[in-house]
Every structure is written in C-alpha cells, then in structure tokens.
Amino acid sequence: MSDSGISVDAKYFVRSFIRFLAKQIDQPTFNEDSRESIEVAIQCLENVYDLGEGDDAAATGGESSVKKEDDPRNHVDLYELYCNTYVEVSPERKQEAEGLKNEGNRLMKEEKYQEALNTYTKAINLDATNPVFYCNRAAAYSRLGDYVRAADDCRMALRHDPNYSKAWGRLGLAYSKMNEHKQAVTAYQNAIRLEPDNQDYKNNLGVSQQFLEERSRNPGAAAGGAGANPLGNIDFASVINNPDMVQMATRMMSDPAMHNILGQLGGMNNMDALLETGRRLAMQMSSENPELFNNVARQMEQAGINLPRNNPPNPDGNQQPPPAPPSS
C-alpha cells in the first residue's frame, strides 16, 4: 500500500537500492530460492513506496514531467558510495578529511567546541574509516557536556582500532562523567594495558575504583528504594529557614563579586563549568560562615555524599576531580 507521506528523495533512495538488488539476482552465488526471495523483496519495496515498474510518475513521486533518465538521483550507486566512504576511501578524500581534522583541532584549542564538532563530522562524512576522527569528535562532545555521544564515538573509534589507547581513555572519562564507574574502570584498564606509563589513565582509574569502593560501603545510594536518592535525607527546610543562612544569603547577594559569579551561569553550556561555579559558591559560603557550611556539609555526608574539603580545582582538564557521587 502506498503512503502519501513518503518523500520524493526517499523514493529515489529506495529505487537505487532496488537497482542494487536487481544486480544481485544475476550473481552466481545465489541459488534459485534466494533469487526468488530477492524478487519478492523488490516487489514489496515497489509496492510500499509506490514505485511501479517503468512508471515515471511513481519514480519521481508524482513529478511526471521529469523522466527517470534525466534525473541524477536515478543514477546514484549506493553500493559504490558505501565502498568509497567506508571501505576504500580515495587518497583525495582522505587528504581532504585530514585537513578538516586539523581544522577541528585548531578550533578545539580556541575552545570553539561546537564548531570543532561540526568540522570533525565533515571529516567523518568524507572518511568514515579513520578512528582518530571519531575520537577527536568525542573530545568535542565531552567539552560540550554530551557524554553519551562522546561514549558512542569512542566505541565507534574502537571498532575501527581496538588498540586505540586514547579512545579507551576518553571512553573511560565519558563513563565516569555519567557515573558509570564500573564501565569506566574497564575502559581505563584497557587504556593502561596499551599505555602502561600513562599516569593520567592510572589516576583516573584510581578515582573510579575509589568511587566504586565508596559505593560498596553505601549500597543504598546505588540501589533502588529509600537510599536511591541521598538528597532526600537532607533537611532542606531547616537549612533554608535557618536565620544564619538567610542572613548569609542576603550578604552574598549584595556582593558585586557574587553577582559576577552568578552572571557567568548564563553563558555556560557544560556540566564542568556549572560544577566549577558551584565550588566557587561553596568556597564563598565557607568563608562567610564556616560553622553553618560545615553543618550543611555534614548533613550531605551523612546522606552518603562525601564532599571534598579544601580541594583546589584541578588545572588539567583531562583529569578527573576527586570522587563524588552524582549531583542531582
């Protein structure tokens, strides 16, 4: 049955695939039953996409004024495109893709992460066989706070090169950012297996292992049920209604420096930047009223959230911060 919502381009695409199937019928590797199955598949596709044999109007989605032979979309060889992109990439395409990768690296240094991501994507479109392109785009996704896609790109890089240590390391970082530390440990161990002297991988492995140890000591935080939400154990009402807290908040909001910190939130588009602002706010609270700050910190630690005390921010963006359970 025909579907009026099928686009013209979709019909051209399916017709190109049908041409591929038609060529397969003549292959000597198929027996009679297989050839018959291919013919049935072609008939089903033609029926669903309303592609009647020799019907110019159907082939162009109703554009009867355009003949099949005159439209370049009817001369696209999908299998050739697949081979050129994923199997046998021409030297010219490889060279162009390499140039785009270098451009993406430059944009990353300039902290233009979205532009870098788009450039790496163009490189992948030209040469989808190069694992470096996926790994570099994973770094851009991580900088933008999209750790799910970063992990996807790392896994794609590893499909092309299972011994790509940097892809394993960045996969571990993406997993740790998503609080999937068990998978992060495996990824870091693979990275260290390939680069035994890389101290960054060892440090990050230690962070994830420490997190898992803390989680094992407090299983309620990782399991469903009452302990699944540690913030639920904090008495926020008493904190908010505390006169000292109200007074401190009033003083902080009248401080021009605090206005500057809060004003930066509007331009932040990744979790690392938000967490850094949170640390700066916590430092300000600690200096304003250490006793009140320590009281709030104790409540959070009793709920299973171990806050780092007096830990300066790590200047190396590749390193993991001290272990802390996921923030809400």
C-alpha atoms as a PDB file:
ATOM      1  CA  MET A   1       0.000   0.000   0.000  1.00  0.00           C
ATOM      2  CA  SER A   2       1.208   3.492  -0.834  1.00  0.00           C
ATOM      3  CA  ASP A   3       1.867   6.129   1.805  1.00  0.00           C
ATOM      4  CA  SER A   4       1.270   9.703   0.627  1.00  0.00           C
ATOM      5  CA  GLY A   5       3.694  10.945   3.273  1.00  0.00           C
ATOM      6  CA  ILE A   6       6.718   9.295   1.604  1.00  0.00           C
ATOM      7  CA  SER A   7       9.134  11.944   0.369  1.00  0.00           C
ATOM      8  CA  VAL A   8      10.426  12.154  -3.182  1.00  0.00           C
ATOM      9  CA  ASP A   9      14.024  11.675  -2.033  1.00  0.00           C
ATOM     10  CA  ALA A  10      13.039   8.534  -0.130  1.00  0.00           C
ATOM     11  CA  LYS A  11      11.572   7.076  -3.309  1.00  0.00           C
ATOM     12  CA  TYR A  12      14.749   7.817  -5.238  1.00  0.00           C
ATOM     13  CA  PHE A  13      16.799   6.235  -2.465  1.00  0.00           C
ATOM     14  CA  VAL A  14      14.692   3.061  -2.435  1.00  0.00           C
ATOM     15  CA  ARG A  15      14.793   2.829  -6.229  1.00  0.00           C
ATOM     16  CA  SER A  16      18.596   2.957  -6.054  1.00  0.00           C
ATOM     17  CA  PHE A  17      18.555   0.118  -3.545  1.00  0.00           C
ATOM     18  CA  ILE A  18      16.210  -1.854  -5.800  1.00  0.00           C
ATOM     19  CA  ARG A  19      18.727  -1.461  -8.621  1.00  0.00           C
ATOM     20  CA  PHE A  20      21.351  -2.975  -6.325  1.00  0.00           C
ATOM     21  CA  LEU A  21      19.072  -5.921  -5.514  1.00  0.00           C
ATOM     22  CA  ALA A  22      18.297  -6.441  -9.196  1.00  0.00           C
ATOM     23  CA  LYS A  23      22.011  -6.830  -9.899  1.00  0.00           C
ATOM     24  CA  GLN A  24      22.296  -9.358  -7.091  1.00  0.00           C
ATOM     25  CA  ILE A  25      19.780 -11.652  -8.792  1.00  0.00           C
ATOM     26  CA  ASP A  26      22.305 -12.317 -11.537  1.00  0.00           C
ATOM     27  CA  GLN A  27      25.072 -13.279  -9.122  1.00  0.00           C
ATOM     28  CA  PRO A  28      26.025 -16.964  -9.462  1.00  0.00           C
ATOM     29  CA  THR A  29      26.478 -17.275  -5.693  1.00  0.00           C
ATOM     30  CA  PHE A  30      22.697 -17.318  -5.158  1.00  0.00           C
ATOM     31  CA  ASN A  31      20.527 -20.376  -5.754  1.00  0.00           C
ATOM     32  CA  GLU A  32      17.055 -20.297  -7.265  1.00  0.00           C
ATOM     33  CA  ASP A  33      15.273 -19.879  -3.913  1.00  0.00           C
ATOM     34  CA  SER A  34      17.490 -16.937  -2.969  1.00  0.00           C
ATOM     35  CA  ARG A  35      16.862 -15.223  -6.301  1.00  0.00           C
ATOM     36  CA  GLU A  36      13.138 -15.680  -5.841  1.00  0.00           C
ATOM     37  CA  SER A  37      13.362 -14.146  -2.363  1.00  0.00           C
ATOM     38  CA  ILE A  38      15.181 -11.125  -3.770  1.00  0.00           C
ATOM     39  CA  GLU A  39      12.485 -10.703  -6.423  1.00  0.00           C
ATOM     40  CA  VAL A  40       9.807 -10.797  -3.724  1.00  0.00           C
ATOM     41  CA  ALA A  41      11.732  -8.174  -1.728  1.00  0.00           C
ATOM     42  CA  ILE A  42      11.873  -5.920  -4.789  1.00  0.00           C
ATOM     43  CA  GLN A  43       8.135  -6.295  -5.373  1.00  0.00           C
ATOM     44  CA  CYS A  44       7.389  -5.484  -1.730  1.00  0.00           C
ATOM     45  CA  LEU A  45       9.533  -2.346  -1.818  1.00  0.00           C
ATOM     46  CA  GLU A  46       7.964  -1.180  -5.064  1.00  0.00           C
ATOM     47  CA  ASN A  47       4.501  -1.729  -3.618  1.00  0.00           C
ATOM     48  CA  VAL A  48       5.193   0.054  -0.312  1.00  0.00           C
ATOM     49  CA  TYR A  49       6.926   3.034  -1.926  1.00  0.00           C
ATOM     50  CA  ASP A  50       4.588   3.149  -4.941  1.00  0.00           C
ATOM     51  CA  LEU A  51       7.383   2.512  -7.434  1.00  0.00           C
ATOM     52  CA  GLY A  52       5.696   0.873 -10.395  1.00  0.00           C
ATOM     53  CA  GLU A  53       7.999  -0.690 -12.962  1.00  0.00           C
ATOM     54  CA  GLY A  54       8.589   1.811 -15.737  1.00  0.00           C
ATOM     55  CA  ASP A  55       6.248   4.352 -14.143  1.00  0.00           C
ATOM     56  CA  ASP A  56       7.929   7.750 -14.426  1.00  0.00           C
ATOM     57  CA  ALA A  57       5.406   9.444 -12.181  1.00  0.00           C
ATOM     58  CA  ALA A  58       5.945   6.907  -9.399  1.00  0.00           C
ATOM     59  CA  ALA A  59       9.693   7.087  -9.746  1.00  0.00           C
ATOM     60  CA  THR A  60       9.635  10.840  -9.208  1.00  0.00           C
ATOM     61  CA  GLY A  61       6.998  10.883  -6.501  1.00  0.00           C
ATOM     62  CA  GLY A  62       4.380  12.362  -8.795  1.00  0.00           C
ATOM     63  CA  GLU A  63       6.700  14.626 -10.790  1.00  0.00           C
ATOM     64  CA  SER A  64       5.643  13.175 -14.127  1.00  0.00           C
ATOM     65  CA  SER A  65       7.409  15.946 -16.070  1.00  0.00           C
ATOM     66  CA  VAL A  66      10.806  14.571 -15.018  1.00  0.00           C
ATOM     67  CA  LYS A  67      11.875  11.373 -16.729  1.00  0.00           C
ATOM     68  CA  LYS A  68      13.875   8.782 -14.831  1.00  0.00           C
ATOM     69  CA  GLU A  69      16.831   9.003 -17.180  1.00  0.00           C
ATOM     70  CA  ASP A  70      17.089  12.781 -16.810  1.00  0.00           C
ATOM     71  CA  ASP A  71      17.339  12.956 -13.029  1.00  0.00           C
ATOM     72  CA  PRO A  72      20.796  12.355 -11.486  1.00  0.00           C
ATOM     73  CA  ARG A  73      19.195  10.792  -8.430  1.00  0.00           C
ATOM     74  CA  ASN A  74      18.274   7.829 -10.592  1.00  0.00           C
ATOM     75  CA  HIS A  75      21.937   7.228 -11.351  1.00  0.00           C
ATOM     76  CA  VAL A  76      23.232   7.044  -7.784  1.00  0.00           C
ATOM     77  CA  ASP A  77      25.021   3.800  -6.979  1.00  0.00           C
ATOM     78  CA  LEU A  78      24.529   3.262  -3.234  1.00  0.00           C
ATOM     79  CA  TYR A  79      26.941   0.356  -3.098  1.00  0.00           C
ATOM     80  CA  GLU A  80      29.657   2.411  -4.762  1.00  0.00           C
ATOM     81  CA  LEU A  81      29.065   5.235  -2.304  1.00  0.00           C
ATOM     82  CA  TYR A  82      29.296   2.784   0.576  1.00  0.00           C
ATOM     83  CA  CYS A  83      32.603   1.367  -0.659  1.00  0.00           C
ATOM     84  CA  ASN A  84      34.086   4.806  -1.299  1.00  0.00           C
ATOM     85  CA  THR A  85      33.104   6.067   2.148  1.00  0.00           C
ATOM     86  CA  TYR A  86      33.553   3.077   4.443  1.00  0.00           C
ATOM     87  CA  VAL A  87      35.746   0.566   2.645  1.00  0.00           C
ATOM     88  CA  GLU A  88      38.068   2.042   0.037  1.00  0.00           C
ATOM     89  CA  VAL A  89      38.385   5.784   0.559  1.00  0.00           C
ATOM     90  CA  SER A  90      40.229   7.548  -2.243  1.00  0.00           C
ATOM     91  CA  PRO A  91      43.509   9.351  -1.416  1.00  0.00           C
ATOM     92  CA  GLU A  92      41.904  12.667  -2.331  1.00  0.00           C
ATOM     93  CA  ARG A  93      39.059  12.176   0.147  1.00  0.00           C
ATOM     94  CA  LYS A  94      41.481  11.071   2.838  1.00  0.00           C
ATOM     95  CA  GLN A  95      43.602  14.171   2.315  1.00  0.00           C
ATOM     96  CA  GLU A  96      40.585  16.479   2.456  1.00  0.00           C
ATOM     97  CA  ALA A  97      39.311  14.744   5.587  1.00  0.00           C
ATOM     98  CA  GLU A  98      42.723  15.068   7.239  1.00  0.00           C
ATOM     99  CA  GLY A  99      42.661  18.798   6.562  1.00  0.00           C
ATOM    100  CA  LEU A 100      39.253  19.069   8.216  1.00  0.00           C
ATOM    101  CA  LYS A 101      40.563  17.139  11.220  1.00  0.00           C
ATOM    102  CA  ASN A 102      43.445  19.611  11.589  1.00  0.00           C
ATOM    103  CA  GLU A 103      40.975  22.474  11.357  1.00  0.00           C
ATOM    104  CA  GLY A 104      38.891  20.849  14.081  1.00  0.00           C
ATOM    105  CA  ASN A 105      41.977  20.535  16.285  1.00  0.00           C
ATOM    106  CA  ARG A 106      42.655  24.246  15.849  1.00  0.00           C
ATOM    107  CA  LEU A 107      39.077  25.085  16.821  1.00  0.00           C
ATOM    108  CA  MET A 108      39.379  22.902  19.921  1.00  0.00           C
ATOM    109  CA  LYS A 109      42.453  24.864  21.030  1.00  0.00           C
ATOM    110  CA  GLU A 110      40.443  28.050  20.585  1.00  0.00           C
ATOM    111  CA  GLU A 111      37.682  26.498  22.734  1.00  0.00           C
ATOM    112  CA  LYS A 112      35.203  26.673  19.850  1.00  0.00           C
ATOM    113  CA  TYR A 113      33.872  23.256  20.670  1.00  0.00           C
ATOM    114  CA  GLN A 114      30.658  23.280  18.640  1.00  0.00           C
ATOM    115  CA  GLU A 115      32.485  24.480  15.533  1.00  0.00           C
ATOM    116  CA  ALA A 116      35.128  21.808  16.093  1.00  0.00           C
ATOM    117  CA  LEU A 117      32.452  19.140  16.441  1.00  0.00           C
ATOM    118  CA  ASN A 118      30.859  20.185  13.150  1.00  0.00           C
ATOM    119  CA  THR A 119      34.250  20.108  11.427  1.00  0.00           C
ATOM    120  CA  TYR A 120      35.067  16.629  12.720  1.00  0.00           C
ATOM    121  CA  THR A 121      31.666  15.479  11.458  1.00  0.00           C
ATOM    122  CA  LYS A 122      32.529  16.747   7.970  1.00  0.00           C
ATOM    123  CA  ALA A 123      35.777  14.788   8.131  1.00  0.00           C
ATOM    124  CA  ILE A 124      33.877  11.631   9.097  1.00  0.00           C
ATOM    125  CA  ASN A 125      31.480  12.163   6.196  1.00  0.00           C
ATOM    126  CA  LEU A 126      34.467  12.096   3.861  1.00  0.00           C
ATOM    127  CA  ASP A 127      36.327   9.249   5.533  1.00  0.00           C
ATOM    128  CA  ALA A 128      34.337   7.161   7.989  1.00  0.00           C
ATOM    129  CA  THR A 129      37.170   4.638   8.382  1.00  0.00           C
ATOM    130  CA  ASN A 130      39.545   6.830  10.413  1.00  0.00           C
ATOM    131  CA  PRO A 131      39.207   6.183  14.175  1.00  0.00           C
ATOM    132  CA  VAL A 132      41.015   9.433  15.029  1.00  0.00           C
ATOM    133  CA  PHE A 133      38.123  11.484  13.674  1.00  0.00           C
ATOM    134  CA  TYR A 134      35.636   9.756  15.989  1.00  0.00           C
ATOM    135  CA  CYS A 135      37.966  10.049  18.984  1.00  0.00           C
ATOM    136  CA  ASN A 136      38.520  13.758  18.365  1.00  0.00           C
ATOM    137  CA  ARG A 137      34.804  14.357  17.989  1.00  0.00           C
ATOM    138  CA  ALA A 138      34.299  12.510  21.275  1.00  0.00           C
ATOM    139  CA  ALA A 139      36.563  15.094  22.915  1.00  0.00           C
ATOM    140  CA  ALA A 140      34.387  17.876  21.479  1.00  0.00           C
ATOM    141  CA  TYR A 141      31.230  16.178  22.745  1.00  0.00           C
ATOM    142  CA  SER A 142      32.809  15.864  26.199  1.00  0.00           C
ATOM    143  CA  ARG A 143      33.684  19.559  26.241  1.00  0.00           C
ATOM    144  CA  LEU A 144      30.050  20.309  25.429  1.00  0.00           C
ATOM    145  CA  GLY A 145      28.865  18.011  28.227  1.00  0.00           C
ATOM    146  CA  ASP A 146      27.305  15.403  25.912  1.00  0.00           C
ATOM    147  CA  TYR A 147      28.971  12.329  27.391  1.00  0.00           C
ATOM    148  CA  VAL A 148      26.522   9.841  25.841  1.00  0.00           C
ATOM    149  CA  ARG A 149      27.530  10.826  22.324  1.00  0.00           C
ATOM    150  CA  ALA A 150      31.156  11.039  23.404  1.00  0.00           C
ATOM    151  CA  ALA A 151      30.984   7.412  24.519  1.00  0.00           C
ATOM    152  CA  ASP A 152      29.280   6.430  21.243  1.00  0.00           C
ATOM    153  CA  ASP A 153      32.103   7.991  19.218  1.00  0.00           C
ATOM    154  CA  CYS A 154      34.758   6.331  21.352  1.00  0.00           C
ATOM    155  CA  ARG A 155      33.144   2.949  20.781  1.00  0.00           C
ATOM    156  CA  MET A 156      32.998   3.647  17.046  1.00  0.00           C
ATOM    157  CA  ALA A 157      36.709   4.519  17.051  1.00  0.00           C
ATOM    158  CA  LEU A 158      37.446   1.260  18.853  1.00  0.00           C
ATOM    159  CA  ARG A 159      35.503  -0.730  16.265  1.00  0.00           C
ATOM    160  CA  HIS A 160      37.993   0.515  13.698  1.00  0.00           C
ATOM    161  CA  ASP A 161      41.008   0.162  16.018  1.00  0.00           C
ATOM    162  CA  PRO A 162      40.545  -1.924  19.203  1.00  0.00           C
ATOM    163  CA  ASN A 163      44.078  -0.954  20.300  1.00  0.00           C
ATOM    164  CA  TYR A 164      43.484   2.792  20.216  1.00  0.00           C
ATOM    165  CA  SER A 165      44.521   3.741  23.751  1.00  0.00           C
ATOM    166  CA  LYS A 166      43.295   7.336  23.588  1.00  0.00           C
ATOM    167  CA  ALA A 167      39.818   6.131  22.609  1.00  0.00           C
ATOM    168  CA  TRP A 168      39.790   3.795  25.616  1.00  0.00           C
ATOM    169  CA  GLY A 169      40.887   6.658  27.865  1.00  0.00           C
ATOM    170  CA  ARG A 170      38.234   9.031  26.581  1.00  0.00           C
ATOM    171  CA  LEU A 171      35.629   6.299  26.838  1.00  0.00           C
ATOM    172  CA  GLY A 172      36.572   5.865  30.482  1.00  0.00           C
ATOM    173  CA  LEU A 173      36.232   9.600  31.053  1.00  0.00           C
ATOM    174  CA  ALA A 174      32.795   9.658  29.411  1.00  0.00           C
ATOM    175  CA  TYR A 175      31.630   6.716  31.536  1.00  0.00           C
ATOM    176  CA  SER A 176      32.929   8.333  34.729  1.00  0.00           C
ATOM    177  CA  LYS A 177      31.155  11.587  33.891  1.00  0.00           C
ATOM    178  CA  MET A 178      27.948   9.562  33.546  1.00  0.00           C
ATOM    179  CA  ASN A 179      28.699   7.911  36.918  1.00  0.00           C
ATOM    180  CA  GLU A 180      29.066   4.516  35.235  1.00  0.00           C
ATOM    181  CA  HIS A 181      32.295   3.797  37.058  1.00  0.00           C
ATOM    182  CA  LYS A 182      32.299   0.042  36.574  1.00  0.00           C
ATOM    183  CA  GLN A 183      32.481   0.516  32.803  1.00  0.00           C
ATOM    184  CA  ALA A 184      34.968   3.348  33.320  1.00  0.00           C
ATOM    185  CA  VAL A 185      37.304   1.014  35.214  1.00  0.00           C
ATOM    186  CA  THR A 186      37.275  -1.471  32.342  1.00  0.00           C
ATOM    187  CA  ALA A 187      37.963   1.282  29.814  1.00  0.00           C
ATOM    188  CA  TYR A 188      40.850   2.725  31.844  1.00  0.00           C
ATOM    189  CA  GLN A 189      42.336  -0.740  32.353  1.00  0.00           C
ATOM    190  CA  ASN A 190      42.363  -1.250  28.582  1.00  0.00           C
ATOM    191  CA  ALA A 191      43.973   2.156  28.105  1.00  0.00           C
ATOM    192  CA  ILE A 192      46.687   1.300  30.650  1.00  0.00           C
ATOM    193  CA  ARG A 193      47.235  -2.085  29.034  1.00  0.00           C
ATOM    194  CA  LEU A 194      48.124  -0.241  25.834  1.00  0.00           C
ATOM    195  CA  GLU A 195      49.963   2.649  27.528  1.00  0.00           C
ATOM    196  CA  PRO A 196      51.386   1.295  30.799  1.00  0.00           C
ATOM    197  CA  ASP A 197      53.277   4.521  31.586  1.00  0.00           C
ATOM    198  CA  ASN A 198      50.370   6.940  31.139  1.00  0.00           C
ATOM    199  CA  GLN A 199      49.866   8.492  34.563  1.00  0.00           C
ATOM    200  CA  ASP A 200      46.608  10.212  33.601  1.00  0.00           C
ATOM    201  CA  TYR A 201      44.936   6.882  32.920  1.00  0.00           C
ATOM    202  CA  LYS A 202      46.239   5.497  36.215  1.00  0.00           C
ATOM    203  CA  ASN A 203      44.948   8.499  38.168  1.00  0.00           C
ATOM    204  CA  ASN A 204      41.537   8.301  36.521  1.00  0.00           C
ATOM    205  CA  LEU A 205      41.382   4.557  37.158  1.00  0.00           C
ATOM    206  CA  GLY A 206      42.095   5.173  40.823  1.00  0.00           C
ATOM    207  CA  VAL A 207      39.292   7.740  41.023  1.00  0.00           C
ATOM    208  CA  SER A 208      36.713   5.353  39.554  1.00  0.00           C
ATOM    209  CA  GLN A 209      37.906   2.475  41.739  1.00  0.00           C
ATOM    210  CA  GLN A 210      37.657   4.662  44.828  1.00  0.00           C
ATOM    211  CA  PHE A 211      34.151   5.669  43.830  1.00  0.00           C
ATOM    212  CA  LEU A 212      33.129   2.011  43.490  1.00  0.00           C
ATOM    213  CA  GLU A 213      34.622   1.241  46.903  1.00  0.00           C
ATOM    214  CA  GLU A 214      32.619   4.046  48.486  1.00  0.00           C
ATOM    215  CA  ARG A 215      29.512   2.863  46.717  1.00  0.00           C
ATOM    216  CA  SER A 216      30.052  -0.675  48.019  1.00  0.00           C
ATOM    217  CA  ARG A 217      30.246   0.716  51.549  1.00  0.00           C
ATOM    218  CA  ASN A 218      26.993   2.590  50.974  1.00  0.00           C
ATOM    219  CA  PRO A 219      24.959   0.264  48.705  1.00  0.00           C
ATOM    220  CA  GLY A 220      21.715   2.116  49.373  1.00  0.00           C
ATOM    221  CA  ALA A 221      22.943   5.022  47.269  1.00  0.00           C
ATOM    222  CA  ALA A 222      23.293   2.791  44.206  1.00  0.00           C
ATOM    223  CA  ALA A 223      20.227   0.599  44.664  1.00  0.00           C
ATOM    224  CA  GLY A 224      16.591   1.485  44.219  1.00  0.00           C
ATOM    225  CA  GLY A 225      14.427   2.299  47.176  1.00  0.00           C
ATOM    226  CA  ALA A 226      14.846   4.603  50.120  1.00  0.00           C
ATOM    227  CA  GLY A 227      18.583   5.001  49.685  1.00  0.00           C
ATOM    228  CA  ALA A 228      18.454   5.705  45.978  1.00  0.00           C
ATOM    229  CA  ASN A 229      18.125   9.463  46.472  1.00  0.00           C
ATOM    230  CA  PRO A 230      20.636  10.567  49.102  1.00  0.00           C
ATOM    231  CA  LEU A 231      19.460  14.172  48.845  1.00  0.00           C
ATOM    232  CA  GLY A 232      16.143  13.030  50.248  1.00  0.00           C
ATOM    233  CA  ASN A 233      17.837  12.528  53.633  1.00  0.00           C
ATOM    234  CA  ILE A 234      18.866  16.179  53.907  1.00  0.00           C
ATOM    235  CA  ASP A 235      16.631  18.506  55.919  1.00  0.00           C
ATOM    236  CA  PHE A 236      16.467  21.312  53.373  1.00  0.00           C
ATOM    237  CA  ALA A 237      13.662  23.048  55.250  1.00  0.00           C
ATOM    238  CA  SER A 238      15.816  23.604  58.327  1.00  0.00           C
ATOM    239  CA  VAL A 239      18.677  24.797  56.153  1.00  0.00           C
ATOM    240  CA  ILE A 240      16.563  27.296  54.216  1.00  0.00           C
ATOM    241  CA  ASN A 241      14.755  28.583  57.299  1.00  0.00           C
ATOM    242  CA  ASN A 242      17.957  28.948  59.306  1.00  0.00           C
ATOM    243  CA  PRO A 243      18.324  32.693  60.172  1.00  0.00           C
ATOM    244  CA  ASP A 244      22.068  32.472  59.701  1.00  0.00           C
ATOM    245  CA  MET A 245      21.555  31.039  56.222  1.00  0.00           C
ATOM    246  CA  VAL A 246      19.105  33.821  55.308  1.00  0.00           C
ATOM    247  CA  GLN A 247      21.497  36.472  56.615  1.00  0.00           C
ATOM    248  CA  MET A 248      24.438  34.962  54.792  1.00  0.00           C
ATOM    249  CA  ALA A 249      22.469  34.702  51.536  1.00  0.00           C
ATOM    250  CA  THR A 250      21.482  38.369  51.845  1.00  0.00           C
ATOM    251  CA  ARG A 251      25.108  39.423  52.295  1.00  0.00           C
ATOM    252  CA  MET A 252      26.251  37.243  49.413  1.00  0.00           C
ATOM    253  CA  MET A 253      23.621  38.601  47.018  1.00  0.00           C
ATOM    254  CA  SER A 254      24.686  42.167  47.819  1.00  0.00           C
ATOM    255  CA  ASP A 255      28.303  41.342  46.999  1.00  0.00           C
ATOM    256  CA  PRO A 256      29.251  42.538  43.443  1.00  0.00           C
ATOM    257  CA  ALA A 257      31.703  39.634  43.146  1.00  0.00           C
ATOM    258  CA  MET A 258      28.866  37.177  43.732  1.00  0.00           C
ATOM    259  CA  HIS A 259      26.781  38.911  41.051  1.00  0.00           C
ATOM    260  CA  ASN A 260      29.669  38.337  38.671  1.00  0.00           C
ATOM    261  CA  ILE A 261      29.811  34.625  39.536  1.00  0.00           C
ATOM    262  CA  LEU A 262      26.070  34.153  39.070  1.00  0.00           C
ATOM    263  CA  GLY A 263      26.118  36.162  35.848  1.00  0.00           C
ATOM    264  CA  GLN A 264      28.506  33.653  34.328  1.00  0.00           C
ATOM    265  CA  LEU A 265      25.912  30.891  34.607  1.00  0.00           C
ATOM    266  CA  GLY A 266      24.009  32.188  31.601  1.00  0.00           C
ATOM    267  CA  GLY A 267      26.853  31.517  29.220  1.00  0.00           C
ATOM    268  CA  MET A 268      27.725  28.042  30.469  1.00  0.00           C
ATOM    269  CA  ASN A 269      26.784  25.059  28.351  1.00  0.00           C
ATOM    270  CA  ASN A 270      28.512  22.173  30.080  1.00  0.00           C
ATOM    271  CA  MET A 271      28.410  20.459  33.424  1.00  0.00           C
ATOM    272  CA  ASP A 272      32.081  21.072  34.251  1.00  0.00           C
ATOM    273  CA  ALA A 273      31.585  24.831  34.152  1.00  0.00           C
ATOM    274  CA  LEU A 274      28.467  24.626  36.321  1.00  0.00           C
ATOM    275  CA  LEU A 275      30.266  22.451  38.861  1.00  0.00           C
ATOM    276  CA  GLU A 276      33.147  24.919  38.959  1.00  0.00           C
ATOM    277  CA  THR A 277      30.692  27.744  39.718  1.00  0.00           C
ATOM    278  CA  GLY A 278      29.148  25.583  42.450  1.00  0.00           C
ATOM    279  CA  ARG A 279      32.581  25.092  44.004  1.00  0.00           C
ATOM    280  CA  ARG A 280      33.183  28.837  43.973  1.00  0.00           C
ATOM    281  CA  LEU A 281      29.826  29.445  45.649  1.00  0.00           C
ATOM    282  CA  ALA A 282      30.669  26.830  48.272  1.00  0.00           C
ATOM    283  CA  MET A 283      34.015  28.499  48.958  1.00  0.00           C
ATOM    284  CA  GLN A 284      32.229  31.841  49.398  1.00  0.00           C
ATOM    285  CA  MET A 285      29.737  30.240  51.805  1.00  0.00           C
ATOM    286  CA  SER A 286      32.553  28.602  53.735  1.00  0.00           C
ATOM    287  CA  SER A 287      34.346  31.909  54.201  1.00  0.00           C
ATOM    288  CA  GLU A 288      31.127  33.710  55.182  1.00  0.00           C
ATOM    289  CA  ASN A 289      30.022  31.243  57.856  1.00  0.00           C
ATOM    290  CA  PRO A 290      32.293  28.201  58.306  1.00  0.00           C
ATOM    291  CA  GLU A 291      30.159  26.692  61.068  1.00  0.00           C
ATOM    292  CA  LEU A 292      26.953  26.810  59.019  1.00  0.00           C
ATOM    293  CA  PHE A 293      28.733  25.492  55.940  1.00  0.00           C
ATOM    294  CA  ASN A 294      30.216  22.571  57.874  1.00  0.00           C
ATOM    295  CA  ASN A 295      26.769  21.758  59.297  1.00  0.00           C
ATOM    296  CA  VAL A 296      25.281  21.522  55.782  1.00  0.00           C
ATOM    297  CA  ALA A 297      28.284  19.520  54.617  1.00  0.00           C
ATOM    298  CA  ARG A 298      27.865  17.048  57.485  1.00  0.00           C
ATOM    299  CA  GLN A 299      24.209  16.503  56.561  1.00  0.00           C
ATOM    300  CA  MET A 300      25.184  15.754  52.979  1.00  0.00           C
ATOM    301  CA  GLU A 301      27.954  13.374  54.053  1.00  0.00           C
ATOM    302  CA  GLN A 302      25.570  11.581  56.375  1.00  0.00           C
ATOM    303  CA  ALA A 303      23.268  11.171  53.377  1.00  0.00           C
ATOM    304  CA  GLY A 304      26.078   9.444  51.501  1.00  0.00           C
ATOM    305  CA  ILE A 305      27.522  12.433  49.618  1.00  0.00           C
ATOM    306  CA  ASN A 306      31.198  12.804  50.501  1.00  0.00           C
ATOM    307  CA  LEU A 307      32.204  16.365  49.776  1.00  0.00           C
ATOM    308  CA  PRO A 308      35.883  17.114  49.138  1.00  0.00           C
ATOM    309  CA  ARG A 309      37.201  19.548  51.735  1.00  0.00           C
ATOM    310  CA  ASN A 310      39.608  22.297  50.651  1.00  0.00           C
ATOM    311  CA  ASN A 311      40.452  20.598  47.349  1.00  0.00           C
ATOM    312  CA  PRO A 312      41.624  23.155  44.770  1.00  0.00           C
ATOM    313  CA  PRO A 313      40.224  22.761  41.241  1.00  0.00           C
ATOM    314  CA  ASN A 314      42.377  20.605  39.008  1.00  0.00           C
ATOM    315  CA  PRO A 315      44.037  22.793  36.353  1.00  0.00           C
ATOM    316  CA  ASP A 316      44.358  19.817  33.989  1.00  0.00           C
ATOM    317  CA  GLY A 317      41.112  19.435  32.099  1.00  0.00           C
ATOM    318  CA  ASN A 318      41.954  15.805  31.273  1.00  0.00           C
ATOM    319  CA  GLN A 319      41.966  14.713  34.900  1.00  0.00           C
ATOM    320  CA  GLN A 320      39.037  13.571  36.953  1.00  0.00           C
ATOM    321  CA  PRO A 321      38.030  15.557  40.048  1.00  0.00           C
ATOM    322  CA  PRO A 322      38.135  13.835  43.450  1.00  0.00           C
ATOM    323  CA  PRO A 323      35.438  11.148  43.710  1.00  0.00           C
ATOM    324  CA  ALA A 324      31.975  12.413  44.483  1.00  0.00           C
ATOM    325  CA  PRO A 325      28.607  10.790  43.910  1.00  0.00           C
ATOM    326  CA  PRO A 326      26.467  12.216  41.101  1.00  0.00           C
ATOM    327  CA  SER A 327      24.842  15.556  41.819  1.00  0.00           C
ATOM    328  CA  SER A 328      21.119  15.995  41.328  1.00  0.00           C
END
